Amino acid sequence: MNPLIDFANPVKTQRIVNRKPRTDTCYWVSCPQCGERRLLRSADAKKAAKEHRLCRGCHTSTAGKKGYAATVAKYGEKFSVDFVRKYRLENPSPLEWQVMQQLLQADVPHEREVLVEYGKHAYLVDFIIGNLAIEVNGGVHIFHQERDARKVRDLRSAGYIPITIPENKVPDALDIIMQHMKPEGELSYA
């Protein structure tokens, strides 16, 4: 008995093959990585469980990481960062868009998606105003706390004053930035 397949609850599905209806017996199969369940035909379910195949989301995520690593190995990290930078400049996140609009309306000169290299790492900073490095963090950053902490440390070491603005403080971003145009130290409003 395979714990990834739910043999106890088969599901009958119908599809059209050569203009004729065909009934298949399908089973729920759990992804070995995330646990998400998907419905597969009997032979596919057995093969997926035997080979510990991932769901589409986990497979795509794994393939993307491998593709990024291969691109970095072939062209260097700067190539990938430049590609991502161009995309982000053309497609700001909704939170970055809100901050950008506040800065533009207040006529505050700034740069977006600035490449900062420190040690062996290259970072894109959402906004640079003088020596302020402003990061606008949505909810997804809860999964990247270690990486974000390293980024803050490296930005500080590179001579910037890091300011992290979480999603719930974006409406007040201009006030936060203006209050901290000169003082030193990391500012985080969690």
C-alpha atoms as a PDB file:
ATOM      1  CA  MET A   1       0.000   0.000   0.000  1.00  0.00           C
ATOM      2  CA  ASN A   2       1.468   3.335  -1.051  1.00  0.00           C
ATOM      3  CA  PRO A   3       0.747   6.290   1.288  1.00  0.00           C
ATOM      4  CA  LEU A   4       0.877   8.717  -1.650  1.00  0.00           C
ATOM      5  CA  ILE A   5      -2.140   7.117  -3.391  1.00  0.00           C
ATOM      6  CA  ASP A   6      -5.648   7.010  -1.941  1.00  0.00           C
ATOM      7  CA  PHE A   7      -6.812   3.618  -3.260  1.00  0.00           C
ATOM      8  CA  ALA A   8      -9.762   3.610  -0.863  1.00  0.00           C
ATOM      9  CA  ASN A   9     -11.605   6.356  -2.739  1.00  0.00           C
ATOM     10  CA  PRO A  10     -11.449   5.803  -6.516  1.00  0.00           C
ATOM     11  CA  VAL A  11     -13.092   8.442  -8.693  1.00  0.00           C
ATOM     12  CA  LYS A  12     -14.792   7.620 -11.993  1.00  0.00           C
ATOM     13  CA  THR A  13     -14.235  10.229 -14.719  1.00  0.00           C
ATOM     14  CA  GLN A  14     -15.381  10.385 -18.294  1.00  0.00           C
ATOM     15  CA  ARG A  15     -13.613  11.706 -21.354  1.00  0.00           C
ATOM     16  CA  ILE A  16     -14.089  11.475 -25.099  1.00  0.00           C
ATOM     17  CA  VAL A  17     -11.629   9.329 -27.089  1.00  0.00           C
ATOM     18  CA  ASN A  18     -12.154   8.980 -30.840  1.00  0.00           C
ATOM     19  CA  ARG A  19     -15.650  10.466 -30.440  1.00  0.00           C
ATOM     20  CA  LYS A  20     -16.627   7.801 -27.919  1.00  0.00           C
ATOM     21  CA  PRO A  21     -17.049   8.248 -24.189  1.00  0.00           C
ATOM     22  CA  ARG A  22     -14.478   6.477 -22.031  1.00  0.00           C
ATOM     23  CA  THR A  23     -14.712   5.981 -18.289  1.00  0.00           C
ATOM     24  CA  ASP A  24     -11.471   6.046 -16.321  1.00  0.00           C
ATOM     25  CA  THR A  25     -10.806   5.102 -12.736  1.00  0.00           C
ATOM     26  CA  CYS A  26      -8.716   7.817 -11.122  1.00  0.00           C
ATOM     27  CA  TYR A  27      -7.056   8.099  -7.738  1.00  0.00           C
ATOM     28  CA  TRP A  28      -5.986  10.970  -5.547  1.00  0.00           C
ATOM     29  CA  VAL A  29      -2.180  11.177  -5.413  1.00  0.00           C
ATOM     30  CA  SER A  30      -0.336  13.370  -2.906  1.00  0.00           C
ATOM     31  CA  CYS A  31       2.758  15.351  -3.876  1.00  0.00           C
ATOM     32  CA  PRO A  32       5.718  14.019  -1.845  1.00  0.00           C
ATOM     33  CA  GLN A  33       7.018  17.562  -1.372  1.00  0.00           C
ATOM     34  CA  CYS A  34       4.027  19.807  -0.567  1.00  0.00           C
ATOM     35  CA  GLY A  35       1.286  17.239   0.052  1.00  0.00           C
ATOM     36  CA  GLU A  36      -1.112  18.749  -2.505  1.00  0.00           C
ATOM     37  CA  ARG A  37      -3.493  16.166  -3.924  1.00  0.00           C
ATOM     38  CA  ARG A  38      -4.161  15.699  -7.630  1.00  0.00           C
ATOM     39  CA  LEU A  39      -6.402  13.287  -9.502  1.00  0.00           C
ATOM     40  CA  LEU A  40      -4.590  10.889 -11.860  1.00  0.00           C
ATOM     41  CA  ARG A  41      -5.623   7.872 -13.904  1.00  0.00           C
ATOM     42  CA  SER A  42      -4.670   4.536 -12.384  1.00  0.00           C
ATOM     43  CA  ALA A  43      -1.474   3.885 -14.379  1.00  0.00           C
ATOM     44  CA  ASP A  44      -0.315   7.496 -14.002  1.00  0.00           C
ATOM     45  CA  ALA A  45      -1.023   7.421 -10.265  1.00  0.00           C
ATOM     46  CA  LYS A  46       1.045   4.271  -9.771  1.00  0.00           C
ATOM     47  CA  LYS A  47       3.920   5.705 -11.844  1.00  0.00           C
ATOM     48  CA  ALA A  48       3.816   9.037  -9.989  1.00  0.00           C
ATOM     49  CA  ALA A  49       3.896   7.308  -6.611  1.00  0.00           C
ATOM     50  CA  LYS A  50       6.624   4.832  -7.624  1.00  0.00           C
ATOM     51  CA  GLU A  51       8.872   7.609  -8.977  1.00  0.00           C
ATOM     52  CA  HIS A  52       7.890  10.141  -6.257  1.00  0.00           C
ATOM     53  CA  ARG A  53       6.848  12.641  -8.911  1.00  0.00           C
ATOM     54  CA  LEU A  54       6.108  16.164  -7.771  1.00  0.00           C
ATOM     55  CA  CYS A  55       2.938  18.131  -8.474  1.00  0.00           C
ATOM     56  CA  ARG A  56       3.094  20.738 -11.222  1.00  0.00           C
ATOM     57  CA  GLY A  57       3.769  23.607  -8.801  1.00  0.00           C
ATOM     58  CA  CYS A  58       6.675  21.876  -7.030  1.00  0.00           C
ATOM     59  CA  HIS A  59       8.092  20.600 -10.323  1.00  0.00           C
ATOM     60  CA  THR A  60       7.964  24.087 -11.850  1.00  0.00           C
ATOM     61  CA  SER A  61       9.609  25.614  -8.788  1.00  0.00           C
ATOM     62  CA  THR A  62      12.396  23.019  -8.812  1.00  0.00           C
ATOM     63  CA  ALA A  63      12.934  23.384 -12.566  1.00  0.00           C
ATOM     64  CA  GLY A  64      13.043  27.186 -12.241  1.00  0.00           C
ATOM     65  CA  LYS A  65      15.738  26.994  -9.571  1.00  0.00           C
ATOM     66  CA  LYS A  66      17.786  24.595 -11.695  1.00  0.00           C
ATOM     67  CA  GLY A  67      17.356  26.847 -14.733  1.00  0.00           C
ATOM     68  CA  TYR A  68      18.465  29.894 -12.771  1.00  0.00           C
ATOM     69  CA  ALA A  69      21.509  28.011 -11.444  1.00  0.00           C
ATOM     70  CA  ALA A  70      22.425  26.904 -14.989  1.00  0.00           C
ATOM     71  CA  THR A  71      22.053  30.483 -16.294  1.00  0.00           C
ATOM     72  CA  VAL A  72      24.256  31.825 -13.492  1.00  0.00           C
ATOM     73  CA  ALA A  73      26.852  29.109 -14.149  1.00  0.00           C
ATOM     74  CA  LYS A  74      26.941  29.927 -17.869  1.00  0.00           C
ATOM     75  CA  TYR A  75      26.615  33.736 -17.887  1.00  0.00           C
ATOM     76  CA  GLY A  76      27.286  34.834 -14.315  1.00  0.00           C
ATOM     77  CA  GLU A  77      24.980  36.216 -11.618  1.00  0.00           C
ATOM     78  CA  LYS A  78      25.021  39.742 -13.077  1.00  0.00           C
ATOM     79  CA  PHE A  79      23.379  38.523 -16.306  1.00  0.00           C
ATOM     80  CA  SER A  80      20.430  37.087 -14.386  1.00  0.00           C
ATOM     81  CA  VAL A  81      20.154  40.117 -12.124  1.00  0.00           C
ATOM     82  CA  ASP A  82      20.158  42.464 -15.151  1.00  0.00           C
ATOM     83  CA  PHE A  83      17.377  40.410 -16.738  1.00  0.00           C
ATOM     84  CA  VAL A  84      15.282  40.514 -13.549  1.00  0.00           C
ATOM     85  CA  ARG A  85      16.024  44.240 -13.120  1.00  0.00           C
ATOM     86  CA  LYS A  86      14.712  45.040 -16.576  1.00  0.00           C
ATOM     87  CA  TYR A  87      11.544  43.055 -15.898  1.00  0.00           C
ATOM     88  CA  ARG A  88      10.960  44.736 -12.522  1.00  0.00           C
ATOM     89  CA  LEU A  89      11.468  48.199 -13.976  1.00  0.00           C
ATOM     90  CA  GLU A  90       8.796  47.463 -16.569  1.00  0.00           C
ATOM     91  CA  ASN A  91       6.500  45.624 -14.118  1.00  0.00           C
ATOM     92  CA  PRO A  92       6.629  47.055 -10.585  1.00  0.00           C
ATOM     93  CA  SER A  93       4.734  45.149  -7.908  1.00  0.00           C
ATOM     94  CA  PRO A  94       1.480  46.759  -6.732  1.00  0.00           C
ATOM     95  CA  LEU A  95       3.193  47.796  -3.476  1.00  0.00           C
ATOM     96  CA  GLU A  96       6.189  49.294  -5.302  1.00  0.00           C
ATOM     97  CA  TRP A  97       3.768  51.099  -7.612  1.00  0.00           C
ATOM     98  CA  GLN A  98       2.057  52.732  -4.629  1.00  0.00           C
ATOM     99  CA  VAL A  99       5.359  53.898  -3.132  1.00  0.00           C
ATOM    100  CA  MET A 100       6.571  55.078  -6.534  1.00  0.00           C
ATOM    101  CA  GLN A 101       3.416  57.165  -6.993  1.00  0.00           C
ATOM    102  CA  GLN A 102       3.877  58.751  -3.553  1.00  0.00           C
ATOM    103  CA  LEU A 103       7.489  59.646  -4.367  1.00  0.00           C
ATOM    104  CA  LEU A 104       6.586  61.038  -7.802  1.00  0.00           C
ATOM    105  CA  GLN A 105       3.696  63.137  -6.422  1.00  0.00           C
ATOM    106  CA  ALA A 106       5.991  64.581  -3.742  1.00  0.00           C
ATOM    107  CA  ASP A 107       8.689  65.189  -6.377  1.00  0.00           C
ATOM    108  CA  VAL A 108      11.256  63.141  -4.424  1.00  0.00           C
ATOM    109  CA  PRO A 109      14.154  62.147  -6.703  1.00  0.00           C
ATOM    110  CA  HIS A 110      14.790  58.412  -6.516  1.00  0.00           C
ATOM    111  CA  GLU A 111      16.113  55.435  -8.432  1.00  0.00           C
ATOM    112  CA  ARG A 112      14.287  52.123  -8.774  1.00  0.00           C
ATOM    113  CA  GLU A 113      15.644  48.583  -8.849  1.00  0.00           C
ATOM    114  CA  VAL A 114      19.228  49.644  -8.247  1.00  0.00           C
ATOM    115  CA  LEU A 115      21.859  46.932  -8.460  1.00  0.00           C
ATOM    116  CA  VAL A 116      24.034  46.871  -5.347  1.00  0.00           C
ATOM    117  CA  GLU A 117      26.912  44.424  -5.298  1.00  0.00           C
ATOM    118  CA  TYR A 118      28.565  43.511  -2.033  1.00  0.00           C
ATOM    119  CA  GLY A 119      30.985  40.626  -1.595  1.00  0.00           C
ATOM    120  CA  LYS A 120      29.821  37.708  -3.674  1.00  0.00           C
ATOM    121  CA  HIS A 121      26.183  38.843  -3.723  1.00  0.00           C
ATOM    122  CA  ALA A 122      24.266  41.156  -6.042  1.00  0.00           C
ATOM    123  CA  TYR A 123      21.016  42.715  -4.832  1.00  0.00           C
ATOM    124  CA  LEU A 124      18.242  44.722  -6.415  1.00  0.00           C
ATOM    125  CA  VAL A 125      17.033  47.451  -4.092  1.00  0.00           C
ATOM    126  CA  ASP A 126      13.467  48.652  -4.675  1.00  0.00           C
ATOM    127  CA  PHE A 127      14.276  52.362  -4.180  1.00  0.00           C
ATOM    128  CA  ILE A 128      17.441  54.357  -3.544  1.00  0.00           C
ATOM    129  CA  ILE A 129      17.206  57.937  -2.285  1.00  0.00           C
ATOM    130  CA  GLY A 130      20.653  59.278  -1.487  1.00  0.00           C
ATOM    131  CA  ASN A 131      22.091  56.734   0.913  1.00  0.00           C
ATOM    132  CA  LEU A 132      18.679  55.283   1.866  1.00  0.00           C
ATOM    133  CA  ALA A 133      18.019  51.771   0.559  1.00  0.00           C
ATOM    134  CA  ILE A 134      14.258  51.272   0.695  1.00  0.00           C
ATOM    135  CA  GLU A 135      12.725  47.826   0.472  1.00  0.00           C
ATOM    136  CA  VAL A 136       8.965  47.387   0.145  1.00  0.00           C
ATOM    137  CA  ASN A 137       8.068  43.961   1.487  1.00  0.00           C
ATOM    138  CA  GLY A 138       4.834  42.116   0.793  1.00  0.00           C
ATOM    139  CA  GLY A 139       3.641  39.062   2.666  1.00  0.00           C
ATOM    140  CA  VAL A 140       5.873  36.663   0.709  1.00  0.00           C
ATOM    141  CA  HIS A 141       8.930  37.995   2.536  1.00  0.00           C
ATOM    142  CA  ILE A 142       7.957  35.977   5.593  1.00  0.00           C
ATOM    143  CA  PHE A 143       9.432  33.014   3.685  1.00  0.00           C
ATOM    144  CA  HIS A 144      12.707  34.854   2.978  1.00  0.00           C
ATOM    145  CA  GLN A 145      13.675  36.194   6.392  1.00  0.00           C
ATOM    146  CA  GLU A 146      17.222  34.809   6.374  1.00  0.00           C
ATOM    147  CA  ARG A 147      17.905  36.117   2.866  1.00  0.00           C
ATOM    148  CA  ASP A 148      16.379  39.511   3.721  1.00  0.00           C
ATOM    149  CA  ALA A 149      18.507  39.757   6.889  1.00  0.00           C
ATOM    150  CA  ARG A 150      21.657  39.070   4.841  1.00  0.00           C
ATOM    151  CA  LYS A 151      20.599  41.726   2.329  1.00  0.00           C
ATOM    152  CA  VAL A 152      20.096  44.299   5.113  1.00  0.00           C
ATOM    153  CA  ARG A 153      23.529  43.461   6.601  1.00  0.00           C
ATOM    154  CA  ASP A 154      25.246  43.743   3.231  1.00  0.00           C
ATOM    155  CA  LEU A 155      23.466  46.991   2.348  1.00  0.00           C
ATOM    156  CA  ARG A 156      24.563  48.480   5.656  1.00  0.00           C
ATOM    157  CA  SER A 157      28.141  47.293   5.046  1.00  0.00           C
ATOM    158  CA  ALA A 158      28.022  48.845   1.563  1.00  0.00           C
ATOM    159  CA  GLY A 159      27.242  52.246   3.127  1.00  0.00           C
ATOM    160  CA  TYR A 160      23.467  52.376   2.779  1.00  0.00           C
ATOM    161  CA  ILE A 161      20.840  52.960   5.445  1.00  0.00           C
ATOM    162  CA  PRO A 162      18.289  50.173   4.983  1.00  0.00           C
ATOM    163  CA  ILE A 163      14.599  50.939   5.479  1.00  0.00           C
ATOM    164  CA  THR A 164      12.113  48.089   5.253  1.00  0.00           C
ATOM    165  CA  ILE A 165       8.485  49.054   4.697  1.00  0.00           C
ATOM    166  CA  PRO A 166       6.012  46.188   5.183  1.00  0.00           C
ATOM    167  CA  GLU A 167       2.775  45.949   3.258  1.00  0.00           C
ATOM    168  CA  ASN A 168       0.614  47.386   6.050  1.00  0.00           C
ATOM    169  CA  LYS A 169       2.747  50.581   6.178  1.00  0.00           C
ATOM    170  CA  VAL A 170       2.808  51.271   2.415  1.00  0.00           C
ATOM    171  CA  PRO A 171       0.081  53.964   2.641  1.00  0.00           C
ATOM    172  CA  ASP A 172       2.425  55.867   5.020  1.00  0.00           C
ATOM    173  CA  ALA A 173       5.610  55.158   3.036  1.00  0.00           C
ATOM    174  CA  LEU A 174       6.284  58.785   2.065  1.00  0.00           C
ATOM    175  CA  ASP A 175       5.996  59.961   5.679  1.00  0.00           C
ATOM    176  CA  ILE A 176       8.300  57.155   6.848  1.00  0.00           C
ATOM    177  CA  ILE A 177      10.877  57.965   4.176  1.00  0.00           C
ATOM    178  CA  MET A 178      10.751  61.723   4.780  1.00  0.00           C
ATOM    179  CA  GLN A 179      11.204  61.251   8.543  1.00  0.00           C
ATOM    180  CA  HIS A 180      14.363  59.263   7.932  1.00  0.00           C
ATOM    181  CA  MET A 181      16.158  61.112   5.172  1.00  0.00           C
ATOM    182  CA  LYS A 182      19.144  61.868   7.427  1.00  0.00           C
ATOM    183  CA  PRO A 183      19.327  59.706  10.595  1.00  0.00           C
ATOM    184  CA  GLU A 184      21.466  56.589  10.537  1.00  0.00           C
ATOM    185  CA  GLY A 185      20.498  53.025  11.298  1.00  0.00           C
ATOM    186  CA  GLU A 186      18.213  50.378   9.939  1.00  0.00           C
ATOM    187  CA  LEU A 187      14.530  51.177  10.043  1.00  0.00           C
ATOM    188  CA  SER A 188      11.964  48.426   9.984  1.00  0.00           C
ATOM    189  CA  TYR A 189       8.256  48.929  10.584  1.00  0.00           C
ATOM    190  CA  ALA A 190       6.783  45.532  11.271  1.00  0.00           C
END
